[in-house]
Amino acid sequence: MRTLEQTTDEILNLTATHFKVPRAELAPNDDFFKKLGIDSLQALELLTRLENHFGIELPDYELQGVTDFRTLANRIQSRL
């Protein structure tokens, strides 16, 4: 089973690849909307990619208000 740290790291790696940004520029506490300059549609694309990667489904109500990688990792980790 993955640790929360491993899940967070995988999210950051996938995000860096998806948005073509250096992994070193992303940190767990970053607000992904501000850091990446993305809109809600781009965030949805990322979430879909993460759901596929981890083999889970995240209900919309669990993602309301989530804007940082650490909180997103917690939500994903709870579904693993």
N, C-alpha and C. Protein backbone atom coordinates (compact mmCIF):
# COMPACT_ATOMS: atom_id res chain seq x y z
N MET A 1 0.84 -1.20 0.00
CA MET A 1 0.00 0.00 0.00
C MET A 1 0.88 1.25 0.00
N ARG A 2 0.43 2.24 -0.76
CA ARG A 2 1.16 3.50 -0.85
C ARG A 2 1.02 4.30 0.45
N THR A 3 2.07 5.05 0.75
CA THR A 3 1.98 6.01 1.84
C THR A 3 1.43 7.32 1.26
N LEU A 4 0.99 8.21 2.13
CA LEU A 4 0.50 9.51 1.69
C LEU A 4 1.60 10.26 0.95
N GLU A 5 2.82 10.13 1.42
CA GLU A 5 3.95 10.80 0.77
C GLU A 5 4.15 10.27 -0.66
N GLN A 6 4.04 8.96 -0.84
CA GLN A 6 4.19 8.38 -2.17
C GLN A 6 3.06 8.84 -3.10
N THR A 7 1.84 8.87 -2.57
CA THR A 7 0.70 9.33 -3.37
C THR A 7 0.90 10.78 -3.78
N THR A 8 1.32 11.61 -2.84
CA THR A 8 1.57 13.03 -3.14
C THR A 8 2.64 13.16 -4.22
N ASP A 9 3.71 12.40 -4.09
CA ASP A 9 4.80 12.46 -5.06
C ASP A 9 4.33 12.03 -6.45
N GLU A 10 3.52 10.99 -6.52
CA GLU A 10 2.99 10.54 -7.80
C GLU A 10 2.11 11.62 -8.43
N ILE A 11 1.29 12.27 -7.63
CA ILE A 11 0.44 13.36 -8.12
C ILE A 11 1.29 14.49 -8.69
N LEU A 12 2.32 14.87 -7.96
CA LEU A 12 3.19 15.95 -8.42
C LEU A 12 3.92 15.56 -9.71
N ASN A 13 4.38 14.33 -9.80
CA ASN A 13 5.05 13.86 -11.02
C ASN A 13 4.11 13.85 -12.21
N LEU A 14 2.90 13.33 -12.02
CA LEU A 14 1.93 13.30 -13.10
C LEU A 14 1.52 14.70 -13.53
N THR A 15 1.36 15.59 -12.56
CA THR A 15 1.00 16.98 -12.87
C THR A 15 2.10 17.65 -13.68
N ALA A 16 3.34 17.45 -13.26
CA ALA A 16 4.47 18.05 -13.97
C ALA A 16 4.52 17.56 -15.42
N THR A 17 4.30 16.28 -15.61
CA THR A 17 4.31 15.71 -16.96
C THR A 17 3.13 16.25 -17.78
N HIS A 18 1.96 16.25 -17.19
CA HIS A 18 0.74 16.68 -17.90
C HIS A 18 0.81 18.14 -18.35
N PHE A 19 1.31 18.99 -17.47
CA PHE A 19 1.35 20.41 -17.78
C PHE A 19 2.72 20.90 -18.24
N LYS A 20 3.64 19.95 -18.42
CA LYS A 20 4.98 20.24 -18.93
C LYS A 20 5.69 21.34 -18.14
N VAL A 21 5.71 21.14 -16.82
CA VAL A 21 6.44 22.05 -15.93
C VAL A 21 7.48 21.22 -15.18
N PRO A 22 8.58 21.84 -14.77
CA PRO A 22 9.59 21.10 -14.00
C PRO A 22 9.02 20.61 -12.68
N ARG A 23 9.25 19.36 -12.38
CA ARG A 23 8.75 18.76 -11.13
C ARG A 23 9.25 19.54 -9.92
N ALA A 24 10.46 20.05 -9.98
CA ALA A 24 11.06 20.77 -8.85
C ALA A 24 10.30 22.06 -8.51
N GLU A 25 9.48 22.54 -9.43
CA GLU A 25 8.72 23.77 -9.18
C GLU A 25 7.41 23.52 -8.43
N LEU A 26 7.06 22.25 -8.24
CA LEU A 26 5.80 21.90 -7.58
C LEU A 26 6.03 21.39 -6.17
N ALA A 27 5.21 21.88 -5.24
CA ALA A 27 5.31 21.45 -3.84
C ALA A 27 3.92 21.03 -3.35
N PRO A 28 3.87 20.15 -2.35
CA PRO A 28 2.58 19.64 -1.86
C PRO A 28 1.58 20.71 -1.44
N ASN A 29 2.03 21.81 -0.90
CA ASN A 29 1.11 22.84 -0.41
C ASN A 29 0.72 23.87 -1.47
N ASP A 30 1.24 23.71 -2.68
CA ASP A 30 0.92 24.66 -3.75
C ASP A 30 -0.56 24.59 -4.13
N ASP A 31 -1.14 25.75 -4.38
CA ASP A 31 -2.47 25.85 -4.96
C ASP A 31 -2.30 25.58 -6.45
N PHE A 32 -2.85 24.48 -6.94
CA PHE A 32 -2.58 24.12 -8.33
C PHE A 32 -3.20 25.08 -9.33
N PHE A 33 -4.29 25.76 -8.99
CA PHE A 33 -4.85 26.75 -9.91
C PHE A 33 -3.88 27.92 -10.08
N LYS A 34 -3.35 28.41 -8.98
CA LYS A 34 -2.43 29.55 -9.04
C LYS A 34 -1.07 29.16 -9.60
N LYS A 35 -0.54 28.05 -9.12
CA LYS A 35 0.80 27.62 -9.52
C LYS A 35 0.88 27.30 -11.01
N LEU A 36 -0.15 26.64 -11.51
CA LEU A 36 -0.13 26.20 -12.90
C LEU A 36 -0.85 27.17 -13.83
N GLY A 37 -1.61 28.10 -13.25
CA GLY A 37 -2.37 29.05 -14.07
C GLY A 37 -3.45 28.34 -14.89
N ILE A 38 -4.12 27.36 -14.26
CA ILE A 38 -5.12 26.58 -14.98
C ILE A 38 -6.54 26.99 -14.61
N ASP A 39 -7.47 26.60 -15.45
CA ASP A 39 -8.88 26.85 -15.17
C ASP A 39 -9.54 25.55 -14.71
N SER A 40 -10.82 25.61 -14.44
CA SER A 40 -11.52 24.44 -13.90
C SER A 40 -11.56 23.28 -14.89
N LEU A 41 -11.62 23.56 -16.19
CA LEU A 41 -11.63 22.49 -17.18
C LEU A 41 -10.29 21.75 -17.19
N GLN A 42 -9.20 22.50 -17.12
CA GLN A 42 -7.88 21.87 -17.07
C GLN A 42 -7.70 21.08 -15.78
N ALA A 43 -8.25 21.58 -14.69
CA ALA A 43 -8.18 20.84 -13.42
C ALA A 43 -8.97 19.54 -13.53
N LEU A 44 -10.10 19.58 -14.20
CA LEU A 44 -10.91 18.38 -14.41
C LEU A 44 -10.15 17.35 -15.24
N GLU A 45 -9.44 17.81 -16.27
CA GLU A 45 -8.61 16.90 -17.08
C GLU A 45 -7.55 16.23 -16.21
N LEU A 46 -6.93 17.00 -15.35
CA LEU A 46 -5.91 16.44 -14.45
C LEU A 46 -6.54 15.42 -13.50
N LEU A 47 -7.69 15.76 -12.94
CA LEU A 47 -8.35 14.84 -12.00
C LEU A 47 -8.73 13.54 -12.69
N THR A 48 -9.19 13.62 -13.93
CA THR A 48 -9.53 12.42 -14.68
C THR A 48 -8.29 11.56 -14.89
N ARG A 49 -7.21 12.20 -15.21
CA ARG A 49 -5.94 11.47 -15.40
C ARG A 49 -5.49 10.81 -14.09
N LEU A 50 -5.65 11.52 -12.98
CA LEU A 50 -5.27 10.96 -11.68
C LEU A 50 -6.18 9.79 -11.29
N GLU A 51 -7.47 9.93 -11.55
CA GLU A 51 -8.40 8.84 -11.25
C GLU A 51 -8.01 7.58 -12.04
N ASN A 52 -7.69 7.76 -13.30
CA ASN A 52 -7.27 6.62 -14.13
C ASN A 52 -5.96 6.02 -13.63
N HIS A 53 -5.02 6.86 -13.26
CA HIS A 53 -3.72 6.39 -12.77
C HIS A 53 -3.87 5.56 -11.50
N PHE A 54 -4.67 6.06 -10.58
CA PHE A 54 -4.81 5.39 -9.29
C PHE A 54 -5.93 4.34 -9.28
N GLY A 55 -6.72 4.28 -10.35
CA GLY A 55 -7.81 3.31 -10.43
C GLY A 55 -8.92 3.56 -9.43
N ILE A 56 -9.26 4.84 -9.26
CA ILE A 56 -10.30 5.23 -8.30
C ILE A 56 -11.28 6.18 -8.96
N GLU A 57 -12.35 6.49 -8.25
CA GLU A 57 -13.28 7.52 -8.68
C GLU A 57 -13.49 8.48 -7.52
N LEU A 58 -13.32 9.74 -7.78
CA LEU A 58 -13.49 10.77 -6.75
C LEU A 58 -14.80 11.51 -6.99
N PRO A 59 -15.76 11.38 -6.09
CA PRO A 59 -17.02 12.11 -6.26
C PRO A 59 -16.78 13.63 -6.20
N ASP A 60 -17.58 14.35 -6.96
CA ASP A 60 -17.44 15.82 -7.02
C ASP A 60 -17.49 16.45 -5.64
N TYR A 61 -18.37 15.95 -4.77
CA TYR A 61 -18.52 16.57 -3.45
C TYR A 61 -17.24 16.46 -2.62
N GLU A 62 -16.41 15.45 -2.90
CA GLU A 62 -15.15 15.32 -2.16
C GLU A 62 -14.09 16.29 -2.65
N LEU A 63 -14.29 16.84 -3.82
CA LEU A 63 -13.28 17.72 -4.41
C LEU A 63 -13.63 19.20 -4.30
N GLN A 64 -14.82 19.51 -3.82
CA GLN A 64 -15.20 20.91 -3.68
C GLN A 64 -14.26 21.61 -2.71
N GLY A 65 -13.71 22.71 -3.16
CA GLY A 65 -12.82 23.49 -2.31
C GLY A 65 -11.38 23.00 -2.26
N VAL A 66 -11.09 21.87 -2.93
CA VAL A 66 -9.72 21.34 -2.94
C VAL A 66 -8.92 22.10 -3.99
N THR A 67 -7.84 22.75 -3.55
CA THR A 67 -7.01 23.51 -4.49
C THR A 67 -5.53 23.22 -4.34
N ASP A 68 -5.15 22.44 -3.32
CA ASP A 68 -3.72 22.16 -3.15
C ASP A 68 -3.46 20.66 -3.30
N PHE A 69 -2.23 20.35 -3.67
CA PHE A 69 -1.85 18.97 -3.95
C PHE A 69 -1.95 18.06 -2.72
N ARG A 70 -1.61 18.57 -1.56
CA ARG A 70 -1.63 17.75 -0.34
C ARG A 70 -3.06 17.29 -0.01
N THR A 71 -4.01 18.21 -0.08
CA THR A 71 -5.40 17.85 0.20
C THR A 71 -5.91 16.87 -0.85
N LEU A 72 -5.55 17.11 -2.11
CA LEU A 72 -5.93 16.19 -3.17
C LEU A 72 -5.35 14.79 -2.90
N ALA A 73 -4.11 14.74 -2.45
CA ALA A 73 -3.49 13.45 -2.13
C ALA A 73 -4.22 12.75 -0.99
N ASN A 74 -4.66 13.51 0.00
CA ASN A 74 -5.43 12.93 1.10
C ASN A 74 -6.74 12.32 0.61
N ARG A 75 -7.41 13.02 -0.30
CA ARG A 75 -8.68 12.51 -0.85
C ARG A 75 -8.43 11.22 -1.63
N ILE A 76 -7.38 11.23 -2.44
CA ILE A 76 -7.05 10.04 -3.25
C ILE A 76 -6.65 8.89 -2.32
N GLN A 77 -5.81 9.18 -1.35
CA GLN A 77 -5.32 8.16 -0.43
C GLN A 77 -6.49 7.47 0.30
N SER A 78 -7.52 8.22 0.61
CA SER A 78 -8.66 7.64 1.33
C SER A 78 -9.46 6.67 0.46
N ARG A 79 -9.24 6.72 -0.85
CA ARG A 79 -9.95 5.84 -1.79
C ARG A 79 -9.12 4.61 -2.19
N LEU A 80 -7.86 4.60 -1.82
CA LEU A 80 -6.98 3.47 -2.22
C LEU A 80 -7.21 2.26 -1.34
